[in-house]
Amino acid sequence: MAHVAACPFDFSEQLDFDPSLGRLMTDGPVSRIRLPYGEAEAWLVTTFEGVRQVTTDPRFSRAAIVGRDYPRMTPEPIVSPESLNVMDPPRSTRLRHAAARAFTQSGVKRMTPAIEHVAHRLVDEMVEQGPPADLALSLSAQLPNHTICALLDVPDADRPLMLRHTQQMLATAPEARQAAAAAKQHLRAYFTTLVAERRKEGGDDLITTMAACEPGEEPLSDDELAVLALTLILSGNDTATCQISNIAYTLLTRPELLDLLRSRPGRLPRMLDELLRHIPFRKGVGIPRVALEDVKVEGVLIRAGDFVHVSYLAANRDPEVFPDPDALDVDRASHPHMTFGWGGHHCIASTFAMAEIGTAIEVLFTRLPGLRLAVPAKDVRWDTRTIRRFPLELPVTW
């Protein structure tokens, strides 16, 4: 019988790597774990190759978790049963194709000037109010929320509500379950109404784009569109929001990196890629899969019906793929990392998120060349109540 490790995955000290996850990686490529919520234990796969196998092998199913109290980090499941994130091909392929139409390289390139405009406006507001400012509130939370809401054409008055509800859905405390369920229900109802309006009136927005179908395609239903919009608003307020603050914090506490960026701004894309690989922007794990038959992963037999989690954080620190993986090395040889997932559930909007992050960092450090922390690094307060890793407040001055 495999040893079962209790894994609260609640480590939130700055951006240090979770030592409990580090120990699991040392113990072996596949471990048996118990998470804070859910009916059963699960396997956890931590190597790059093992994660690649699980996320690309059709014998591991996301859809099979629907209707089950699956092992997870949050008291209320984040995803709806109809969500793209709990579908398998070929059903998921149709929805991913609809959403991906807006996030092509050329599509994101067309959106970049609008992202730049918002970033400059937010920095203008920081400058107008004068230092010190809370970068997490003034830029990191506002830019991704504004841009995804603009894509969905959510009215300005409703945008703060979008941000608040998505934050509630990511909470990990047991007492947060009711608020998380209510937030998910509210967003579902909100987008159901919005989809009906767009069906009737049309528009130049992402919901209308996703509703349109190419010849021979089956159109998305109102329910499918509403859940897809909910998924996008949740994703849009997750990775980029965390990583703008995390990357700014890392640069402001690593003078050698900031000096390099200021002297060679052309290095920013490569630097961002390594920062994204290195920074643990969330805690623990996400949505599991279920083995549909007996499968061996990294030499370990996983039985049909078992839950299987993967750790993208651990895969990003696999020494077989990233030599000296705990070092933040901006000269590291380029290799794909797993910050935006892998396989059939790789983030559809990763190119868009990269545009947001890159634009925010470039505008911030170009406009405010004297930017620095307004408090000692040890006094920065970190999120301890959700699955994310990011500073609740990031006081800066210039």
Protein backbone atom coordinates (compact mmCIF):
# COMPACT_ATOMS: atom_id res chain seq x y z
CA MET A 1 0.00 0.00 0.00
CA ALA A 2 1.49 3.36 -1.06
CA HIS A 3 2.08 5.95 1.65
CA VAL A 4 -0.58 8.68 1.51
CA ALA A 5 0.68 12.22 2.10
CA ALA A 6 -1.72 14.79 3.55
CA CYS A 7 -1.35 17.81 1.29
CA PRO A 8 -3.02 21.04 2.39
CA PHE A 9 -0.76 22.87 -0.08
CA ASP A 10 -1.27 26.05 1.94
CA PHE A 11 2.31 27.34 1.73
CA SER A 12 2.31 31.07 0.92
CA GLU A 13 5.65 32.56 2.01
CA GLN A 14 6.56 35.10 -0.63
CA LEU A 15 7.33 33.23 -3.86
CA ASP A 16 9.38 30.41 -2.34
CA PHE A 17 8.67 26.96 -3.71
CA ASP A 18 6.35 24.89 -1.51
CA PRO A 19 8.66 22.58 0.51
CA SER A 20 5.96 19.91 0.81
CA LEU A 21 5.70 19.73 -2.97
CA GLY A 22 9.50 19.65 -3.14
CA ARG A 23 9.54 16.64 -0.79
CA LEU A 24 6.99 14.81 -2.93
CA MET A 25 9.15 15.41 -5.99
CA THR A 26 12.14 13.95 -4.15
CA ASP A 27 10.15 10.89 -3.04
CA GLY A 28 9.38 9.88 -6.60
CA PRO A 29 7.63 10.86 -9.85
CA VAL A 30 4.19 9.64 -8.68
CA SER A 31 2.85 9.97 -5.12
CA ARG A 32 -0.36 9.16 -3.28
CA ILE A 33 -1.97 12.24 -1.71
CA ARG A 34 -5.00 13.41 0.26
CA LEU A 35 -6.27 16.93 -0.47
CA PRO A 36 -8.36 19.12 1.89
CA TYR A 37 -11.66 18.42 0.10
CA GLY A 38 -13.18 15.52 -1.82
CA GLU A 39 -14.23 11.94 -1.40
CA ALA A 40 -11.00 10.11 -2.16
CA GLU A 41 -7.27 10.03 -2.33
CA ALA A 42 -5.48 10.78 -5.58
CA TRP A 43 -2.25 10.16 -7.41
CA LEU A 44 0.02 13.16 -7.95
CA VAL A 45 2.37 13.20 -10.94
CA THR A 46 5.28 15.64 -10.67
CA THR A 47 7.73 14.97 -13.53
CA PHE A 48 7.59 16.80 -16.85
CA GLU A 49 7.30 13.54 -18.81
CA GLY A 50 4.69 12.12 -16.43
CA VAL A 51 2.59 15.29 -16.61
CA ARG A 52 2.92 15.31 -20.40
CA GLN A 53 1.65 11.72 -20.52
CA VAL A 54 -1.36 12.28 -18.27
CA THR A 55 -2.42 15.48 -20.04
CA THR A 56 -2.22 13.98 -23.54
CA ASP A 57 -3.33 10.35 -23.00
CA PRO A 58 -7.09 9.85 -23.70
CA ARG A 59 -7.15 7.12 -21.05
CA PHE A 60 -7.15 9.94 -18.47
CA SER A 61 -10.47 11.79 -18.50
CA ARG A 62 -11.48 15.17 -17.09
CA ALA A 63 -15.13 14.52 -17.96
CA ALA A 64 -15.21 11.48 -15.67
CA ILE A 65 -15.00 13.71 -12.57
CA VAL A 66 -18.41 15.26 -13.27
CA GLY A 67 -20.93 14.27 -10.62
CA ARG A 68 -18.25 13.08 -8.22
CA ASP A 69 -16.89 14.74 -5.08
CA TYR A 70 -13.40 14.80 -6.56
CA PRO A 71 -10.23 15.59 -4.53
CA ARG A 72 -9.52 19.32 -4.73
CA MET A 73 -8.17 22.43 -3.02
CA THR A 74 -11.40 24.43 -2.65
CA PRO A 75 -14.57 23.60 -0.67
CA GLU A 76 -16.77 24.42 -3.67
CA PRO A 77 -15.66 23.04 -7.07
CA ILE A 78 -14.47 25.99 -9.14
CA VAL A 79 -15.66 24.65 -12.47
CA SER A 80 -19.25 24.11 -13.53
CA PRO A 81 -20.17 20.60 -14.72
CA GLU A 82 -20.77 22.04 -18.22
CA SER A 83 -17.39 23.82 -18.29
CA LEU A 84 -14.90 23.34 -21.09
CA ASN A 85 -12.36 22.48 -18.39
CA VAL A 86 -14.18 19.22 -17.57
CA MET A 87 -14.76 18.03 -21.12
CA ASP A 88 -12.82 15.54 -23.21
CA PRO A 89 -12.36 15.52 -26.98
CA PRO A 90 -14.21 15.52 -29.27
CA ARG A 91 -16.80 17.48 -27.26
CA SER A 92 -14.22 19.93 -25.92
CA THR A 93 -12.72 20.47 -29.39
CA ARG A 94 -15.81 22.29 -30.64
CA LEU A 95 -15.89 24.74 -27.72
CA ARG A 96 -12.13 25.31 -27.75
CA HIS A 97 -12.29 26.07 -31.45
CA ALA A 98 -15.04 28.65 -30.88
CA ALA A 99 -13.12 30.41 -28.10
CA ALA A 100 -9.76 30.16 -29.85
CA ARG A 101 -10.99 32.24 -32.80
CA ALA A 102 -10.48 35.36 -30.69
CA PHE A 103 -7.05 34.39 -29.36
CA THR A 104 -5.02 33.72 -32.47
CA GLN A 105 -1.62 35.40 -32.80
CA SER A 106 -3.07 37.90 -35.26
CA GLY A 107 -6.13 38.49 -33.08
CA VAL A 108 -4.01 39.21 -30.00
CA LYS A 109 -1.78 41.49 -32.07
CA ARG A 110 -4.86 43.53 -33.00
CA MET A 111 -5.87 43.73 -29.32
CA THR A 112 -2.43 44.78 -28.06
CA PRO A 113 -2.89 48.55 -28.68
CA ALA A 114 -6.03 48.47 -26.53
CA ILE A 115 -4.13 46.64 -23.76
CA GLU A 116 -1.35 49.25 -23.99
CA HIS A 117 -3.91 52.06 -23.78
CA VAL A 118 -5.41 50.64 -20.59
CA ALA A 119 -1.97 50.03 -19.05
CA HIS A 120 -0.91 53.63 -19.73
CA ARG A 121 -4.20 54.95 -18.33
CA LEU A 122 -3.76 52.95 -15.12
CA VAL A 123 -0.18 54.18 -14.71
CA ASP A 124 -1.38 57.72 -15.43
CA GLU A 125 -3.82 57.35 -12.53
CA MET A 126 -1.01 56.10 -10.26
CA VAL A 127 1.15 59.10 -11.19
CA GLU A 128 -1.73 61.54 -10.74
CA GLN A 129 -2.48 60.20 -7.25
CA GLY A 130 1.22 60.22 -6.42
CA PRO A 131 3.35 57.75 -4.52
CA PRO A 132 3.09 55.49 -2.69
CA ALA A 133 0.67 53.32 -4.66
CA ASP A 134 -0.58 49.77 -4.33
CA LEU A 135 0.55 48.14 -7.56
CA ALA A 136 -1.56 45.01 -6.93
CA LEU A 137 -4.74 47.07 -6.77
CA SER A 138 -3.87 49.84 -9.21
CA LEU A 139 -2.51 47.74 -12.08
CA SER A 140 -2.34 43.97 -11.54
CA ALA A 141 -6.03 43.45 -10.75
CA GLN A 142 -7.40 46.20 -12.95
CA LEU A 143 -5.65 45.52 -16.27
CA PRO A 144 -6.67 41.85 -16.78
CA ASN A 145 -10.17 42.42 -15.43
CA HIS A 146 -10.71 45.43 -17.69
CA THR A 147 -9.36 43.73 -20.81
CA ILE A 148 -11.31 40.45 -20.48
CA CYS A 149 -14.46 42.40 -19.59
CA ALA A 150 -13.88 44.62 -22.61
CA LEU A 151 -13.57 41.55 -24.83
CA LEU A 152 -16.86 40.22 -23.49
CA ASP A 153 -18.34 43.76 -23.58
CA VAL A 154 -19.32 43.66 -19.91
CA PRO A 155 -20.61 47.14 -18.97
CA ASP A 156 -18.18 49.27 -16.95
CA ALA A 157 -20.49 49.35 -13.93
CA ASP A 158 -20.48 45.54 -13.68
CA ARG A 159 -16.72 45.01 -13.94
CA PRO A 160 -15.86 45.36 -10.22
CA LEU A 161 -18.47 42.67 -9.54
CA MET A 162 -16.77 40.33 -12.03
CA LEU A 163 -13.49 40.70 -10.15
CA ARG A 164 -15.04 40.18 -6.74
CA HIS A 165 -16.95 37.06 -7.75
CA THR A 166 -13.96 35.41 -9.42
CA GLN A 167 -11.88 36.02 -6.29
CA GLN A 168 -14.61 34.41 -4.16
CA MET A 169 -14.61 31.30 -6.35
CA LEU A 170 -10.89 30.72 -5.75
CA ALA A 171 -11.11 30.76 -1.91
CA THR A 172 -9.86 27.70 0.00
CA ALA A 173 -11.31 28.17 3.53
CA PRO A 174 -14.22 25.86 4.50
CA GLU A 175 -16.36 28.84 5.48
CA ALA A 176 -15.96 30.28 1.96
CA ARG A 177 -18.01 27.50 0.35
CA GLN A 178 -21.38 29.26 0.42
CA ALA A 179 -19.98 32.53 -0.94
CA ALA A 180 -18.10 30.67 -3.69
CA ALA A 181 -21.23 28.76 -4.73
CA ALA A 182 -23.26 31.98 -4.75
CA ALA A 183 -20.58 33.76 -6.81
CA LYS A 184 -20.53 30.98 -9.40
CA GLN A 185 -24.33 30.96 -9.56
CA HIS A 186 -24.42 34.74 -9.99
CA LEU A 187 -21.87 34.71 -12.81
CA ARG A 188 -23.67 31.88 -14.55
CA ALA A 189 -26.96 33.78 -14.41
CA TYR A 190 -25.26 37.03 -15.45
CA PHE A 191 -23.75 35.53 -18.59
CA THR A 192 -26.94 33.63 -19.41
CA THR A 193 -28.70 37.00 -19.58
CA LEU A 194 -25.84 38.61 -21.49
CA VAL A 195 -25.77 35.78 -24.06
CA ALA A 196 -29.52 36.20 -24.66
CA GLU A 197 -28.99 39.93 -25.26
CA ARG A 198 -26.16 39.30 -27.72
CA ARG A 199 -28.22 36.69 -29.58
CA LYS A 200 -30.91 39.32 -30.04
CA GLU A 201 -28.86 42.45 -30.65
CA GLY A 202 -25.46 41.20 -31.84
CA GLY A 203 -22.30 43.16 -31.19
CA ASP A 204 -18.57 43.42 -31.73
CA ASP A 205 -17.53 41.28 -28.78
CA LEU A 206 -16.18 37.84 -27.89
CA ILE A 207 -19.59 36.35 -27.03
CA THR A 208 -20.92 37.30 -30.47
CA THR A 209 -17.77 35.93 -32.08
CA MET A 210 -18.10 32.61 -30.25
CA ALA A 211 -21.81 32.42 -31.12
CA ALA A 212 -21.04 32.66 -34.83
CA CYS A 213 -20.19 29.35 -36.44
CA GLU A 214 -18.42 28.41 -39.63
CA PRO A 215 -20.19 26.42 -42.37
CA GLY A 216 -20.73 22.84 -41.26
CA GLU A 217 -20.22 23.65 -37.56
CA GLU A 218 -22.83 23.03 -34.89
CA PRO A 219 -23.57 26.38 -33.18
CA LEU A 220 -23.00 26.71 -29.46
CA SER A 221 -26.10 26.73 -27.27
CA ASP A 222 -26.89 29.58 -24.90
CA ASP A 223 -25.82 27.42 -21.94
CA GLU A 224 -22.53 26.55 -23.62
CA LEU A 225 -21.83 30.21 -24.38
CA ALA A 226 -22.68 31.31 -20.84
CA VAL A 227 -20.39 28.72 -19.23
CA LEU A 228 -17.63 29.49 -21.73
CA ALA A 229 -17.88 33.20 -20.89
CA LEU A 230 -17.76 32.35 -17.18
CA THR A 231 -14.64 30.22 -17.77
CA LEU A 232 -12.97 33.06 -19.66
CA ILE A 233 -13.74 35.68 -17.00
CA LEU A 234 -12.33 33.35 -14.35
CA SER A 235 -9.19 32.61 -16.36
CA GLY A 236 -8.81 36.26 -17.32
CA ASN A 237 -8.70 37.28 -13.67
CA ASP A 238 -6.29 34.53 -12.63
CA THR A 239 -2.86 34.02 -14.22
CA ALA A 240 -2.19 37.53 -15.52
CA THR A 241 -3.46 39.17 -12.32
CA CYS A 242 -1.10 37.10 -10.18
CA GLN A 243 1.89 37.23 -12.48
CA ILE A 244 1.96 40.97 -13.09
CA SER A 245 2.40 41.49 -9.34
CA ASN A 246 4.70 38.48 -8.92
CA ILE A 247 7.00 39.50 -11.75
CA ALA A 248 7.10 43.14 -10.60
CA TYR A 249 7.91 41.96 -7.05
CA THR A 250 10.67 39.66 -8.33
CA LEU A 251 12.24 42.42 -10.41
CA LEU A 252 12.04 44.91 -7.54
CA THR A 253 13.74 42.47 -5.16
CA ARG A 254 16.36 41.20 -7.65
CA PRO A 255 18.43 44.28 -8.57
CA GLU A 256 20.53 42.35 -11.08
CA LEU A 257 17.44 41.43 -13.09
CA LEU A 258 16.05 44.94 -12.96
CA ASP A 259 19.40 46.39 -14.06
CA LEU A 260 19.47 43.93 -16.96
CA LEU A 261 15.94 44.87 -18.00
CA ARG A 262 16.70 48.59 -17.84
CA SER A 263 19.94 48.29 -19.80
CA ARG A 264 18.62 45.77 -22.33
CA PRO A 265 14.84 46.11 -22.65
CA GLY A 266 14.89 43.83 -25.67
CA ARG A 267 15.55 40.94 -23.28
CA LEU A 268 12.09 41.30 -21.72
CA PRO A 269 10.33 38.48 -23.68
CA ARG A 270 13.01 35.92 -22.80
CA MET A 271 13.14 37.14 -19.20
CA LEU A 272 9.37 36.87 -18.87
CA ASP A 273 9.41 33.30 -20.14
CA GLU A 274 11.91 32.24 -17.48
CA LEU A 275 10.07 34.19 -14.77
CA LEU A 276 6.82 32.43 -15.70
CA ARG A 277 8.53 29.04 -15.50
CA HIS A 278 10.15 29.81 -12.17
CA ILE A 279 7.41 31.62 -10.22
CA PRO A 280 4.90 29.35 -8.41
CA PHE A 281 1.84 31.50 -9.07
CA ARG A 282 -0.63 29.08 -7.50
CA LYS A 283 -0.78 26.49 -4.74
CA GLY A 284 -0.97 22.75 -5.17
CA VAL A 285 -3.00 21.39 -8.03
CA GLY A 286 -6.02 22.14 -10.20
CA ILE A 287 -8.60 19.82 -11.74
CA PRO A 288 -7.89 16.07 -11.64
CA ARG A 289 -8.49 13.37 -14.21
CA VAL A 290 -9.82 9.84 -13.79
CA ALA A 291 -8.03 6.81 -15.23
CA LEU A 292 -10.44 5.03 -17.58
CA GLU A 293 -8.34 1.85 -17.51
CA ASP A 294 -5.20 0.58 -15.83
CA VAL A 295 -2.27 2.74 -16.98
CA LYS A 296 1.40 2.90 -16.02
CA VAL A 297 2.85 6.37 -15.45
CA GLU A 298 6.58 6.62 -14.76
CA GLY A 299 6.55 2.93 -13.84
CA VAL A 300 3.66 3.27 -11.36
CA LEU A 301 0.44 1.37 -12.02
CA ILE A 302 -2.63 3.57 -11.79
CA ARG A 303 -5.86 1.61 -11.62
CA ALA A 304 -9.03 2.31 -13.59
CA GLY A 305 -11.24 4.70 -11.60
CA ASP A 306 -8.37 6.35 -9.71
CA PHE A 307 -8.14 10.14 -9.53
CA VAL A 308 -4.93 11.59 -10.95
CA HIS A 309 -3.63 15.10 -10.33
CA VAL A 310 -0.67 16.66 -12.12
CA SER A 311 1.57 19.46 -10.83
CA TYR A 312 2.59 21.95 -13.48
CA LEU A 313 4.62 23.72 -10.78
CA ALA A 314 6.68 20.58 -10.19
CA ALA A 315 7.04 19.86 -13.90
CA ASN A 316 8.49 23.36 -14.33
CA ARG A 317 11.20 22.41 -11.80
CA ASP A 318 12.04 18.98 -13.28
CA PRO A 319 15.86 18.76 -13.35
CA GLU A 320 15.71 16.32 -16.26
CA VAL A 321 14.28 19.12 -18.39
CA PHE A 322 15.49 22.31 -16.69
CA PRO A 323 19.08 21.97 -15.35
CA ASP A 324 19.50 23.64 -11.96
CA PRO A 325 15.71 24.19 -11.98
CA ASP A 326 15.50 26.26 -8.79
CA ALA A 327 17.76 28.94 -10.28
CA LEU A 328 16.16 31.89 -12.02
CA ASP A 329 18.37 31.93 -15.13
CA VAL A 330 17.34 34.37 -17.86
CA ASP A 331 20.04 32.89 -20.12
CA ARG A 332 18.57 29.40 -19.81
CA ALA A 333 18.20 27.49 -23.09
CA SER A 334 14.63 27.90 -24.27
CA HIS A 335 12.29 24.99 -23.55
CA PRO A 336 8.48 24.94 -23.34
CA HIS A 337 7.21 25.13 -19.77
CA MET A 338 3.82 24.23 -18.29
CA THR A 339 2.70 27.44 -16.61
CA PHE A 340 -0.28 27.63 -18.97
CA GLY A 341 -0.96 23.90 -18.80
CA TRP A 342 -0.36 21.23 -21.41
CA GLY A 343 -2.22 19.06 -23.86
CA GLY A 344 -5.93 19.35 -24.53
CA HIS A 345 -6.46 21.75 -21.63
CA HIS A 346 -3.60 24.14 -22.38
CA CYS A 347 -4.89 27.67 -21.74
CA ILE A 348 -6.66 28.92 -24.86
CA ALA A 349 -5.89 32.54 -23.98
CA SER A 350 -2.20 32.07 -23.07
CA THR A 351 -1.07 34.36 -25.91
CA PHE A 352 -3.48 37.02 -24.67
CA ALA A 353 -2.26 36.60 -21.07
CA MET A 354 1.35 36.96 -22.25
CA ALA A 355 0.42 40.18 -24.05
CA GLU A 356 -1.16 41.55 -20.87
CA ILE A 357 1.79 40.59 -18.67
CA GLY A 358 4.43 41.83 -21.11
CA THR A 359 2.61 45.11 -21.73
CA ALA A 360 2.06 45.76 -18.02
CA ILE A 361 5.71 45.17 -17.11
CA GLU A 362 7.06 47.15 -20.06
CA VAL A 363 4.77 50.14 -19.49
CA LEU A 364 5.32 50.10 -15.74
CA PHE A 365 9.11 50.10 -15.76
CA THR A 366 9.40 52.42 -18.77
CA ARG A 367 7.03 55.03 -17.36
CA LEU A 368 8.40 54.79 -13.79
CA PRO A 369 12.16 54.19 -14.13
CA GLY A 370 12.73 54.90 -10.43
CA LEU A 371 10.13 52.37 -9.30
CA ARG A 372 10.94 50.59 -6.02
CA LEU A 373 9.18 48.92 -3.12
CA ALA A 374 7.77 51.36 -0.57
CA VAL A 375 8.12 48.82 2.26
CA PRO A 376 10.73 46.19 3.12
CA ALA A 377 10.17 43.00 1.13
CA LYS A 378 9.51 41.08 4.37
CA ASP A 379 6.52 43.34 5.08
CA VAL A 380 4.68 42.59 1.83
CA ARG A 381 1.43 40.71 2.65
CA TRP A 382 0.69 37.58 0.64
CA ASP A 383 -2.56 35.86 -0.24
CA THR A 384 -3.28 32.99 2.14
CA ARG A 385 -6.98 32.42 1.44
CA THR A 386 -7.13 31.28 -2.18
CA ILE A 387 -5.34 28.79 -4.43
CA ARG A 388 -3.20 31.61 -5.82
CA ARG A 389 0.24 32.96 -4.88
CA PHE A 390 0.48 36.73 -5.14
CA PRO A 391 0.87 39.81 -2.92
CA LEU A 392 -2.41 41.14 -1.56
CA GLU A 393 -0.81 44.57 -1.60
CA LEU A 394 2.36 45.67 -3.35
CA PRO A 395 3.24 49.17 -2.08
CA VAL A 396 5.59 50.97 -4.49
CA THR A 397 7.04 54.41 -4.83
CA TRP A 398 9.10 56.23 -7.47
